Amino acid sequence: TTKPIKLISGASPFCETFFDDVKVPKSYGEGISSIVFEENRGWDVAKYLLGHERSMISDQGSSAGGSLGAKFADQVGRDAIGRLDDPMLRAELADMDIELLAFRAMAERFGDTFKAGLCHPAQPNMMKYAGTEINKRRHELIMSAGGSQLLEWESEATNGGLSARSWLRTKANSIEGGTSEVMLNVVSKQILQLPNS
């Protein structure tokens, strides 16, 4: 039985799935076990899978293409020498571009060490938190630069409210795969080795 979950963005990419009246035997005969990994080590498997999920979510922080300043220069207006006309917004967008480049470099290094099995077990938590925060900030800047027009929800001019829906979708990044608070707790204890307060 499946029950779709409608998100605040209006999309429904997830659903609850129930396996009704299903029974799974411990084994299917001689030498064929249905137990995954080792008995009583399920949390180790779950942590490993969560590491992959958190790595995937962190990729959203580096998936943006191109400069945000260039994207909005024509929409917001240009100054006499062709730059984005709003100096405060221009500075914020340039700062975001720099942060994205730095995150991409960090993500590339993390990806290499993760594949080689050399990264700290809690490092996916750090990457997930950083990628989530960058992605949320990037979409907030897009909404700021686009002004009230981007709040429109259904017209062809906004591609069906794509920017607004994408911005709303980023709010889930702070929850899925482990909340930002959980990520910070894990990083503080396991990487920074800070004492419990």
N, C-alpha and C. Protein backbone atom coordinates (compact mmCIF):
# COMPACT_ATOMS: atom_id res chain seq x y z
N THR A 1 0.86 -1.18 0.00
CA THR A 1 0.00 0.00 0.00
C THR A 1 0.89 1.22 0.00
N THR A 2 0.61 2.16 -0.90
CA THR A 2 1.39 3.39 -0.93
C THR A 2 0.50 4.58 -0.65
N LYS A 3 1.05 5.55 0.09
CA LYS A 3 0.33 6.79 0.41
C LYS A 3 1.25 7.95 0.05
N PRO A 4 0.93 8.68 -1.04
CA PRO A 4 1.78 9.82 -1.44
C PRO A 4 1.86 10.87 -0.34
N ILE A 5 3.03 11.51 -0.25
CA ILE A 5 3.26 12.59 0.71
C ILE A 5 3.42 13.88 -0.10
N LYS A 6 2.48 14.79 0.04
CA LYS A 6 2.54 16.06 -0.69
C LYS A 6 3.36 17.06 0.10
N LEU A 7 4.35 17.67 -0.55
CA LEU A 7 5.23 18.62 0.11
C LEU A 7 4.69 20.03 0.01
N ILE A 8 5.27 20.95 0.78
CA ILE A 8 4.86 22.35 0.75
C ILE A 8 5.07 22.97 -0.62
N SER A 9 5.99 22.42 -1.39
CA SER A 9 6.26 22.94 -2.74
C SER A 9 5.16 22.55 -3.72
N GLY A 10 4.27 21.66 -3.32
CA GLY A 10 3.21 21.19 -4.20
C GLY A 10 3.55 19.87 -4.88
N ALA A 11 4.81 19.49 -4.84
CA ALA A 11 5.24 18.23 -5.47
C ALA A 11 5.00 17.05 -4.53
N SER A 12 5.02 15.85 -5.09
CA SER A 12 4.83 14.65 -4.28
C SER A 12 5.83 13.58 -4.71
N PRO A 13 7.13 13.81 -4.44
CA PRO A 13 8.15 12.85 -4.89
C PRO A 13 8.32 11.65 -3.97
N PHE A 14 7.67 11.68 -2.79
CA PHE A 14 7.82 10.61 -1.81
C PHE A 14 6.47 9.98 -1.50
N CYS A 15 6.53 8.78 -0.96
CA CYS A 15 5.31 8.17 -0.46
C CYS A 15 5.67 7.23 0.68
N GLU A 16 4.68 7.00 1.53
CA GLU A 16 4.82 5.94 2.53
C GLU A 16 4.51 4.63 1.83
N THR A 17 5.30 3.60 2.11
CA THR A 17 5.05 2.29 1.51
C THR A 17 4.88 1.27 2.64
N PHE A 18 3.77 0.57 2.60
CA PHE A 18 3.49 -0.43 3.62
C PHE A 18 3.47 -1.82 2.97
N PHE A 19 4.15 -2.77 3.59
CA PHE A 19 4.11 -4.15 3.13
C PHE A 19 3.10 -4.88 4.01
N ASP A 20 1.88 -4.95 3.53
CA ASP A 20 0.78 -5.48 4.33
C ASP A 20 0.87 -7.00 4.44
N ASP A 21 0.73 -7.48 5.68
CA ASP A 21 0.68 -8.92 5.97
C ASP A 21 1.87 -9.69 5.39
N VAL A 22 3.05 -9.09 5.44
CA VAL A 22 4.26 -9.75 4.93
C VAL A 22 5.03 -10.36 6.09
N LYS A 23 5.47 -11.58 5.91
CA LYS A 23 6.32 -12.23 6.89
C LYS A 23 7.60 -12.66 6.19
N VAL A 24 8.74 -12.34 6.82
CA VAL A 24 10.04 -12.69 6.23
C VAL A 24 10.71 -13.71 7.14
N PRO A 25 10.95 -14.90 6.64
CA PRO A 25 11.60 -15.92 7.48
C PRO A 25 13.08 -15.60 7.69
N LYS A 26 13.66 -16.15 8.76
CA LYS A 26 15.09 -15.92 9.02
C LYS A 26 15.94 -16.51 7.91
N SER A 27 15.48 -17.60 7.34
CA SER A 27 16.26 -18.21 6.26
C SER A 27 15.30 -18.85 5.26
N TYR A 28 15.85 -19.10 4.07
CA TYR A 28 15.06 -19.71 2.98
C TYR A 28 15.56 -21.12 2.69
N GLY A 29 16.06 -21.75 3.69
CA GLY A 29 16.59 -23.08 3.49
C GLY A 29 18.07 -23.10 3.86
N GLU A 30 18.70 -24.20 3.58
CA GLU A 30 20.08 -24.42 4.00
C GLU A 30 21.02 -23.42 3.33
N GLY A 31 21.69 -22.60 4.17
CA GLY A 31 22.71 -21.67 3.67
C GLY A 31 22.17 -20.40 3.04
N ILE A 32 20.85 -20.21 3.01
CA ILE A 32 20.29 -18.99 2.38
C ILE A 32 19.58 -18.18 3.47
N SER A 33 20.30 -17.19 4.01
CA SER A 33 19.77 -16.38 5.10
C SER A 33 19.14 -15.10 4.54
N SER A 34 18.11 -14.63 5.22
CA SER A 34 17.50 -13.35 4.83
C SER A 34 17.99 -12.22 5.74
N ILE A 35 18.93 -12.51 6.64
CA ILE A 35 19.48 -11.49 7.53
C ILE A 35 20.58 -10.73 6.79
N VAL A 36 20.48 -9.41 6.80
CA VAL A 36 21.47 -8.56 6.15
C VAL A 36 22.61 -8.30 7.11
N PHE A 37 23.86 -8.49 6.65
CA PHE A 37 25.07 -8.28 7.45
C PHE A 37 25.08 -9.27 8.61
N GLU A 38 25.42 -8.80 9.83
CA GLU A 38 25.51 -9.70 10.97
C GLU A 38 24.39 -9.42 11.97
N GLU A 39 23.95 -10.44 12.65
CA GLU A 39 22.89 -10.28 13.64
C GLU A 39 23.32 -9.27 14.71
N ASN A 40 22.40 -8.40 15.12
CA ASN A 40 22.63 -7.36 16.12
C ASN A 40 23.63 -6.28 15.67
N ARG A 41 23.88 -6.17 14.36
CA ARG A 41 24.75 -5.11 13.83
C ARG A 41 24.00 -4.25 12.83
N GLY A 42 22.66 -4.18 12.98
CA GLY A 42 21.84 -3.42 12.05
C GLY A 42 22.14 -1.92 12.06
N TRP A 43 22.47 -1.37 13.25
CA TRP A 43 22.75 0.06 13.32
C TRP A 43 24.00 0.42 12.52
N ASP A 44 24.97 -0.49 12.47
CA ASP A 44 26.18 -0.25 11.66
C ASP A 44 25.81 -0.12 10.19
N VAL A 45 24.91 -0.97 9.72
CA VAL A 45 24.44 -0.90 8.33
C VAL A 45 23.69 0.41 8.10
N ALA A 46 22.81 0.77 9.06
CA ALA A 46 22.03 2.00 8.93
C ALA A 46 22.93 3.22 8.88
N LYS A 47 23.98 3.26 9.71
CA LYS A 47 24.91 4.41 9.71
C LYS A 47 25.65 4.50 8.38
N TYR A 48 26.03 3.36 7.83
CA TYR A 48 26.71 3.34 6.54
C TYR A 48 25.80 3.90 5.44
N LEU A 49 24.54 3.45 5.43
CA LEU A 49 23.59 3.95 4.44
C LEU A 49 23.29 5.43 4.63
N LEU A 50 23.20 5.87 5.90
CA LEU A 50 22.98 7.29 6.18
C LEU A 50 24.15 8.14 5.67
N GLY A 51 25.37 7.59 5.75
CA GLY A 51 26.54 8.30 5.22
C GLY A 51 26.39 8.57 3.74
N HIS A 52 25.90 7.57 3.00
CA HIS A 52 25.66 7.75 1.56
C HIS A 52 24.55 8.77 1.30
N GLU A 53 23.47 8.67 2.09
CA GLU A 53 22.36 9.61 1.91
C GLU A 53 22.82 11.04 2.19
N ARG A 54 23.58 11.22 3.26
CA ARG A 54 24.06 12.56 3.62
C ARG A 54 25.02 13.10 2.57
N SER A 55 25.84 12.23 2.01
CA SER A 55 26.75 12.66 0.94
C SER A 55 25.95 13.14 -0.27
N MET A 56 24.89 12.39 -0.60
CA MET A 56 24.04 12.76 -1.75
C MET A 56 23.36 14.10 -1.50
N ILE A 57 22.82 14.30 -0.29
CA ILE A 57 22.14 15.56 0.03
C ILE A 57 23.13 16.72 -0.01
N SER A 58 24.36 16.49 0.43
CA SER A 58 25.35 17.57 0.43
C SER A 58 25.68 18.03 -0.99
N ASP A 59 25.50 17.15 -1.98
CA ASP A 59 25.77 17.52 -3.38
C ASP A 59 24.89 18.67 -3.84
N GLN A 60 23.74 18.86 -3.21
CA GLN A 60 22.86 19.96 -3.62
C GLN A 60 23.52 21.31 -3.40
N GLY A 61 24.46 21.36 -2.46
CA GLY A 61 25.18 22.60 -2.22
C GLY A 61 26.13 22.96 -3.34
N SER A 62 26.53 21.97 -4.13
CA SER A 62 27.52 22.25 -5.19
C SER A 62 26.95 22.06 -6.58
N SER A 63 25.64 21.80 -6.69
CA SER A 63 25.08 21.46 -7.99
C SER A 63 24.68 22.66 -8.82
N ALA A 64 24.75 23.86 -8.27
CA ALA A 64 24.33 25.05 -9.03
C ALA A 64 25.32 25.32 -10.13
N GLY A 65 24.81 25.68 -11.29
CA GLY A 65 25.70 25.98 -12.41
C GLY A 65 25.75 27.47 -12.69
N GLY A 66 26.93 27.99 -12.96
CA GLY A 66 27.08 29.38 -13.37
C GLY A 66 26.97 30.37 -12.24
N SER A 67 27.33 31.61 -12.54
CA SER A 67 27.32 32.70 -11.57
C SER A 67 25.90 33.22 -11.36
N LEU A 68 25.52 33.41 -10.11
CA LEU A 68 24.20 33.97 -9.82
C LEU A 68 24.12 35.43 -10.25
N GLY A 69 25.24 36.17 -10.12
CA GLY A 69 25.26 37.57 -10.54
C GLY A 69 24.96 37.72 -12.02
N ALA A 70 25.58 36.87 -12.83
CA ALA A 70 25.34 36.91 -14.28
C ALA A 70 23.90 36.56 -14.60
N LYS A 71 23.34 35.63 -13.82
CA LYS A 71 21.96 35.19 -14.06
C LYS A 71 20.95 36.32 -13.88
N PHE A 72 21.21 37.20 -12.89
CA PHE A 72 20.23 38.23 -12.57
C PHE A 72 20.58 39.63 -13.07
N ALA A 73 21.73 39.79 -13.73
CA ALA A 73 22.15 41.13 -14.18
C ALA A 73 21.11 41.78 -15.09
N ASP A 74 20.58 41.02 -16.03
CA ASP A 74 19.60 41.59 -16.96
C ASP A 74 18.26 41.85 -16.28
N GLN A 75 17.89 40.96 -15.37
CA GLN A 75 16.60 41.10 -14.70
C GLN A 75 16.59 42.29 -13.74
N VAL A 76 17.66 42.44 -12.95
CA VAL A 76 17.73 43.51 -11.95
C VAL A 76 18.14 44.82 -12.61
N GLY A 77 18.96 44.73 -13.65
CA GLY A 77 19.47 45.93 -14.33
C GLY A 77 20.99 46.00 -14.21
N ARG A 78 21.61 46.68 -15.15
CA ARG A 78 23.07 46.82 -15.18
C ARG A 78 23.47 48.27 -14.96
N ASP A 79 24.66 48.47 -14.37
CA ASP A 79 25.17 49.82 -14.20
C ASP A 79 25.90 50.26 -15.47
N ALA A 80 26.58 51.41 -15.42
CA ALA A 80 27.21 51.99 -16.61
C ALA A 80 28.29 51.10 -17.21
N ILE A 81 28.92 50.25 -16.38
CA ILE A 81 29.97 49.38 -16.92
C ILE A 81 29.52 47.92 -17.07
N GLY A 82 28.20 47.69 -16.99
CA GLY A 82 27.65 46.38 -17.30
C GLY A 82 27.50 45.42 -16.13
N ARG A 83 27.79 45.90 -14.92
CA ARG A 83 27.63 45.03 -13.75
C ARG A 83 26.19 45.05 -13.25
N LEU A 84 25.84 44.09 -12.42
CA LEU A 84 24.54 44.09 -11.75
C LEU A 84 24.38 45.42 -11.03
N ASP A 85 23.26 46.08 -11.24
CA ASP A 85 23.10 47.48 -10.82
C ASP A 85 22.98 47.68 -9.31
N ASP A 86 22.54 46.69 -8.58
CA ASP A 86 22.38 46.81 -7.13
C ASP A 86 23.68 46.38 -6.44
N PRO A 87 24.47 47.32 -5.88
CA PRO A 87 25.78 46.95 -5.33
C PRO A 87 25.71 45.99 -4.14
N MET A 88 24.68 46.13 -3.29
CA MET A 88 24.56 45.23 -2.14
C MET A 88 24.24 43.81 -2.59
N LEU A 89 23.30 43.69 -3.51
CA LEU A 89 22.95 42.38 -4.04
C LEU A 89 24.12 41.78 -4.81
N ARG A 90 24.83 42.64 -5.55
CA ARG A 90 26.00 42.18 -6.31
C ARG A 90 27.05 41.59 -5.36
N ALA A 91 27.28 42.23 -4.23
CA ALA A 91 28.26 41.74 -3.25
C ALA A 91 27.81 40.41 -2.66
N GLU A 92 26.51 40.31 -2.33
CA GLU A 92 25.99 39.06 -1.76
C GLU A 92 26.10 37.90 -2.75
N LEU A 93 25.77 38.17 -4.01
CA LEU A 93 25.83 37.13 -5.03
C LEU A 93 27.28 36.71 -5.32
N ALA A 94 28.20 37.69 -5.31
CA ALA A 94 29.62 37.36 -5.52
C ALA A 94 30.14 36.51 -4.36
N ASP A 95 29.73 36.86 -3.14
CA ASP A 95 30.12 36.08 -1.97
C ASP A 95 29.60 34.64 -2.08
N MET A 96 28.35 34.50 -2.58
CA MET A 96 27.77 33.18 -2.76
C MET A 96 28.54 32.39 -3.82
N ASP A 97 28.92 33.03 -4.91
CA ASP A 97 29.69 32.36 -5.96
C ASP A 97 31.01 31.83 -5.40
N ILE A 98 31.68 32.64 -4.57
CA ILE A 98 32.96 32.23 -3.96
C ILE A 98 32.74 31.05 -3.02
N GLU A 99 31.68 31.14 -2.21
CA GLU A 99 31.38 30.05 -1.27
C GLU A 99 31.08 28.75 -2.01
N LEU A 100 30.35 28.85 -3.12
CA LEU A 100 30.05 27.65 -3.92
C LEU A 100 31.32 27.02 -4.49
N LEU A 101 32.23 27.86 -4.98
CA LEU A 101 33.49 27.33 -5.53
C LEU A 101 34.30 26.63 -4.44
N ALA A 102 34.36 27.24 -3.25
CA ALA A 102 35.09 26.62 -2.14
C ALA A 102 34.45 25.31 -1.72
N PHE A 103 33.11 25.28 -1.68
CA PHE A 103 32.41 24.05 -1.29
C PHE A 103 32.64 22.95 -2.32
N ARG A 104 32.62 23.31 -3.60
CA ARG A 104 32.87 22.31 -4.65
C ARG A 104 34.25 21.69 -4.51
N ALA A 105 35.25 22.51 -4.18
CA ALA A 105 36.61 21.99 -3.98
C ALA A 105 36.65 21.05 -2.79
N MET A 106 35.97 21.45 -1.69
CA MET A 106 35.93 20.60 -0.50
C MET A 106 35.17 19.30 -0.80
N ALA A 107 34.08 19.41 -1.56
CA ALA A 107 33.28 18.22 -1.89
C ALA A 107 34.06 17.24 -2.77
N GLU A 108 34.87 17.77 -3.67
CA GLU A 108 35.67 16.89 -4.53
C GLU A 108 36.70 16.11 -3.70
N ARG A 109 37.34 16.82 -2.77
CA ARG A 109 38.31 16.14 -1.90
C ARG A 109 37.61 15.11 -1.02
N PHE A 110 36.45 15.50 -0.47
CA PHE A 110 35.69 14.57 0.37
C PHE A 110 35.29 13.32 -0.42
N GLY A 111 34.81 13.53 -1.66
CA GLY A 111 34.40 12.39 -2.50
C GLY A 111 35.53 11.41 -2.72
N ASP A 112 36.72 11.93 -2.96
CA ASP A 112 37.88 11.06 -3.18
C ASP A 112 38.24 10.27 -1.92
N THR A 113 38.26 10.95 -0.77
CA THR A 113 38.61 10.25 0.47
C THR A 113 37.51 9.27 0.89
N PHE A 114 36.25 9.62 0.60
CA PHE A 114 35.13 8.74 0.95
C PHE A 114 35.22 7.44 0.13
N LYS A 115 35.46 7.59 -1.19
CA LYS A 115 35.56 6.39 -2.06
C LYS A 115 36.74 5.52 -1.67
N ALA A 116 37.81 6.17 -1.20
CA ALA A 116 39.01 5.41 -0.81
C ALA A 116 38.89 4.85 0.61
N GLY A 117 37.80 5.16 1.31
CA GLY A 117 37.61 4.67 2.67
C GLY A 117 38.51 5.36 3.68
N LEU A 118 38.95 6.59 3.40
CA LEU A 118 39.91 7.29 4.25
C LEU A 118 39.30 8.44 5.04
N CYS A 119 38.03 8.73 4.84
CA CYS A 119 37.46 9.89 5.54
C CYS A 119 37.00 9.49 6.94
N HIS A 120 36.89 10.48 7.80
CA HIS A 120 36.39 10.28 9.16
C HIS A 120 34.93 9.80 9.06
N PRO A 121 34.51 8.84 9.88
CA PRO A 121 33.13 8.33 9.80
C PRO A 121 32.06 9.40 9.94
N ALA A 122 32.38 10.51 10.61
CA ALA A 122 31.38 11.57 10.81
C ALA A 122 31.47 12.66 9.74
N GLN A 123 32.40 12.53 8.81
CA GLN A 123 32.58 13.58 7.81
C GLN A 123 31.35 13.78 6.90
N PRO A 124 30.61 12.71 6.53
CA PRO A 124 29.38 12.95 5.75
C PRO A 124 28.40 13.89 6.46
N ASN A 125 28.39 13.86 7.80
CA ASN A 125 27.52 14.76 8.56
C ASN A 125 27.94 16.21 8.34
N MET A 126 29.24 16.45 8.36
CA MET A 126 29.77 17.80 8.15
C MET A 126 29.43 18.29 6.75
N MET A 127 29.61 17.41 5.76
CA MET A 127 29.33 17.78 4.37
C MET A 127 27.83 18.02 4.17
N LYS A 128 27.00 17.19 4.79
CA LYS A 128 25.56 17.35 4.65
C LYS A 128 25.12 18.69 5.22
N TYR A 129 25.63 19.04 6.38
CA TYR A 129 25.26 20.33 7.00
C TYR A 129 25.71 21.50 6.12
N ALA A 130 26.96 21.47 5.68
CA ALA A 130 27.49 22.58 4.87
C ALA A 130 26.74 22.70 3.55
N GLY A 131 26.50 21.58 2.87
CA GLY A 131 25.79 21.60 1.59
C GLY A 131 24.36 22.09 1.73
N THR A 132 23.70 21.67 2.82
CA THR A 132 22.33 22.09 3.09
C THR A 132 22.25 23.60 3.29
N GLU A 133 23.14 24.15 4.11
CA GLU A 133 23.11 25.58 4.41
C GLU A 133 23.42 26.42 3.16
N ILE A 134 24.38 25.97 2.35
CA ILE A 134 24.71 26.69 1.12
C ILE A 134 23.52 26.66 0.16
N ASN A 135 22.90 25.50 0.02
CA ASN A 135 21.76 25.38 -0.89
C ASN A 135 20.61 26.27 -0.47
N LYS A 136 20.31 26.31 0.83
CA LYS A 136 19.23 27.18 1.33
C LYS A 136 19.56 28.65 1.07
N ARG A 137 20.79 29.03 1.36
CA ARG A 137 21.19 30.43 1.18
C ARG A 137 21.14 30.83 -0.29
N ARG A 138 21.57 29.93 -1.17
CA ARG A 138 21.57 30.20 -2.62
C ARG A 138 20.15 30.47 -3.10
N HIS A 139 19.20 29.63 -2.67
CA HIS A 139 17.81 29.82 -3.09
C HIS A 139 17.18 31.07 -2.48
N GLU A 140 17.59 31.42 -1.26
CA GLU A 140 17.11 32.67 -0.66
C GLU A 140 17.59 33.88 -1.46
N LEU A 141 18.84 33.82 -1.93
CA LEU A 141 19.37 34.91 -2.76
C LEU A 141 18.65 34.99 -4.10
N ILE A 142 18.35 33.83 -4.67
CA ILE A 142 17.60 33.81 -5.94
C ILE A 142 16.24 34.49 -5.75
N MET A 143 15.58 34.17 -4.65
CA MET A 143 14.27 34.78 -4.39
C MET A 143 14.42 36.28 -4.16
N SER A 144 15.48 36.71 -3.46
CA SER A 144 15.71 38.15 -3.23
C SER A 144 15.96 38.87 -4.55
N ALA A 145 16.81 38.27 -5.38
CA ALA A 145 17.17 38.92 -6.65
C ALA A 145 15.98 38.98 -7.60
N GLY A 146 15.12 37.98 -7.55
CA GLY A 146 13.98 37.93 -8.46
C GLY A 146 12.83 38.81 -8.05
N GLY A 147 12.81 39.23 -6.78
CA GLY A 147 11.75 40.10 -6.30
C GLY A 147 10.40 39.42 -6.24
N SER A 148 9.35 40.22 -6.15
CA SER A 148 8.00 39.68 -5.96
C SER A 148 7.52 38.84 -7.14
N GLN A 149 8.09 39.06 -8.32
CA GLN A 149 7.67 38.28 -9.49
C GLN A 149 7.88 36.78 -9.26
N LEU A 150 8.97 36.42 -8.57
CA LEU A 150 9.27 34.99 -8.37
C LEU A 150 8.32 34.33 -7.37
N LEU A 151 7.55 35.11 -6.62
CA LEU A 151 6.58 34.52 -5.70
C LEU A 151 5.37 33.96 -6.43
N GLU A 152 5.20 34.35 -7.70
CA GLU A 152 4.07 33.85 -8.50
C GLU A 152 4.20 32.34 -8.65
N TRP A 153 3.09 31.66 -8.62
CA TRP A 153 3.07 30.21 -8.41
C TRP A 153 2.76 29.39 -9.65
N GLU A 154 2.06 29.93 -10.64
CA GLU A 154 1.56 29.07 -11.69
C GLU A 154 1.79 29.53 -13.13
N SER A 155 2.29 30.73 -13.36
CA SER A 155 2.34 31.24 -14.73
C SER A 155 3.52 30.68 -15.52
N GLU A 156 3.42 30.85 -16.83
CA GLU A 156 4.50 30.44 -17.73
C GLU A 156 5.74 31.29 -17.51
N ALA A 157 5.53 32.57 -17.13
CA ALA A 157 6.65 33.50 -16.91
C ALA A 157 7.61 33.00 -15.83
N THR A 158 7.09 32.31 -14.83
CA THR A 158 7.94 31.79 -13.75
C THR A 158 8.14 30.28 -13.85
N ASN A 159 7.81 29.74 -15.01
CA ASN A 159 7.96 28.29 -15.23
C ASN A 159 7.20 27.51 -14.15
N GLY A 160 5.94 27.93 -13.93
CA GLY A 160 5.12 27.24 -12.93
C GLY A 160 5.59 27.46 -11.51
N GLY A 161 6.17 28.63 -11.25
CA GLY A 161 6.64 28.93 -9.90
C GLY A 161 7.86 28.13 -9.50
N LEU A 162 8.69 27.77 -10.48
CA LEU A 162 9.83 26.88 -10.22
C LEU A 162 10.76 27.41 -9.13
N SER A 163 11.11 28.70 -9.19
CA SER A 163 12.03 29.25 -8.18
C SER A 163 11.43 29.21 -6.79
N ALA A 164 10.15 29.59 -6.67
CA ALA A 164 9.50 29.58 -5.36
C ALA A 164 9.38 28.15 -4.83
N ARG A 165 8.99 27.22 -5.71
CA ARG A 165 8.85 25.82 -5.28
C ARG A 165 10.21 25.23 -4.88
N SER A 166 11.26 25.58 -5.64
CA SER A 166 12.61 25.09 -5.31
C SER A 166 13.08 25.66 -3.98
N TRP A 167 12.78 26.94 -3.76
CA TRP A 167 13.15 27.58 -2.48
C TRP A 167 12.45 26.88 -1.32
N LEU A 168 11.17 26.61 -1.46
CA LEU A 168 10.44 25.91 -0.41
C LEU A 168 11.00 24.51 -0.19
N ARG A 169 11.40 23.85 -1.27
CA ARG A 169 11.95 22.49 -1.18
C ARG A 169 13.23 22.44 -0.34
N THR A 170 14.02 23.53 -0.38
CA THR A 170 15.29 23.53 0.36
C THR A 170 15.07 23.43 1.87
N LYS A 171 13.89 23.81 2.33
CA LYS A 171 13.64 23.75 3.78
C LYS A 171 13.70 22.31 4.28
N ALA A 172 13.34 21.37 3.42
CA ALA A 172 13.40 19.96 3.82
C ALA A 172 14.83 19.47 3.96
N ASN A 173 15.79 20.15 3.29
CA ASN A 173 17.19 19.72 3.38
C ASN A 173 17.69 19.72 4.83
N SER A 174 17.13 20.60 5.66
CA SER A 174 17.55 20.69 7.06
C SER A 174 17.02 19.55 7.92
N ILE A 175 16.11 18.75 7.34
CA ILE A 175 15.47 17.68 8.10
C ILE A 175 15.87 16.30 7.56
N GLU A 176 15.77 16.14 6.23
CA GLU A 176 16.01 14.81 5.64
C GLU A 176 17.45 14.35 5.85
N GLY A 177 17.61 13.07 6.02
CA GLY A 177 18.94 12.52 6.23
C GLY A 177 19.53 12.86 7.58
N GLY A 178 18.73 13.39 8.48
CA GLY A 178 19.20 13.83 9.80
C GLY A 178 19.15 15.34 9.87
N THR A 179 18.57 15.88 10.93
CA THR A 179 18.40 17.32 11.04
C THR A 179 19.75 18.03 11.16
N SER A 180 19.75 19.33 10.87
CA SER A 180 20.98 20.12 10.99
C SER A 180 21.50 20.09 12.42
N GLU A 181 20.58 20.08 13.40
CA GLU A 181 21.01 20.03 14.80
C GLU A 181 21.73 18.72 15.11
N VAL A 182 21.22 17.61 14.58
CA VAL A 182 21.88 16.32 14.78
C VAL A 182 23.26 16.33 14.11
N MET A 183 23.35 16.89 12.90
CA MET A 183 24.64 16.96 12.20
C MET A 183 25.66 17.73 13.02
N LEU A 184 25.25 18.88 13.57
CA LEU A 184 26.17 19.69 14.38
C LEU A 184 26.59 18.96 15.65
N ASN A 185 25.67 18.23 16.27
CA ASN A 185 26.01 17.45 17.47
C ASN A 185 27.05 16.38 17.15
N VAL A 186 26.85 15.68 16.04
CA VAL A 186 27.79 14.62 15.66
C VAL A 186 29.17 15.21 15.36
N VAL A 187 29.20 16.31 14.62
CA VAL A 187 30.48 16.95 14.29
C VAL A 187 31.18 17.43 15.57
N SER A 188 30.42 18.04 16.49
CA SER A 188 31.05 18.56 17.71
C SER A 188 31.62 17.44 18.57
N LYS A 189 30.93 16.30 18.63
CA LYS A 189 31.38 15.20 19.49
C LYS A 189 32.46 14.35 18.82
N GLN A 190 32.23 13.99 17.54
CA GLN A 190 33.11 12.99 16.92
C GLN A 190 34.29 13.59 16.14
N ILE A 191 34.13 14.80 15.63
CA ILE A 191 35.25 15.41 14.87
C ILE A 191 36.00 16.40 15.76
N LEU A 192 35.26 17.34 16.38
CA LEU A 192 35.90 18.34 17.23
C LEU A 192 36.18 17.83 18.63
N GLN A 193 35.53 16.72 19.00
CA GLN A 193 35.69 16.08 20.31
C GLN A 193 35.43 17.05 21.46
N LEU A 194 34.37 17.85 21.31
CA LEU A 194 33.98 18.78 22.36
C LEU A 194 33.24 18.01 23.45
N PRO A 195 33.38 18.43 24.72
CA PRO A 195 32.67 17.72 25.80
C PRO A 195 31.18 18.01 25.74
N ASN A 196 30.40 17.09 26.29
CA ASN A 196 28.95 17.31 26.38
C ASN A 196 28.69 18.47 27.33
N SER A 197 27.72 19.32 26.97
CA SER A 197 27.43 20.46 27.86
C SER A 197 26.17 20.20 28.65
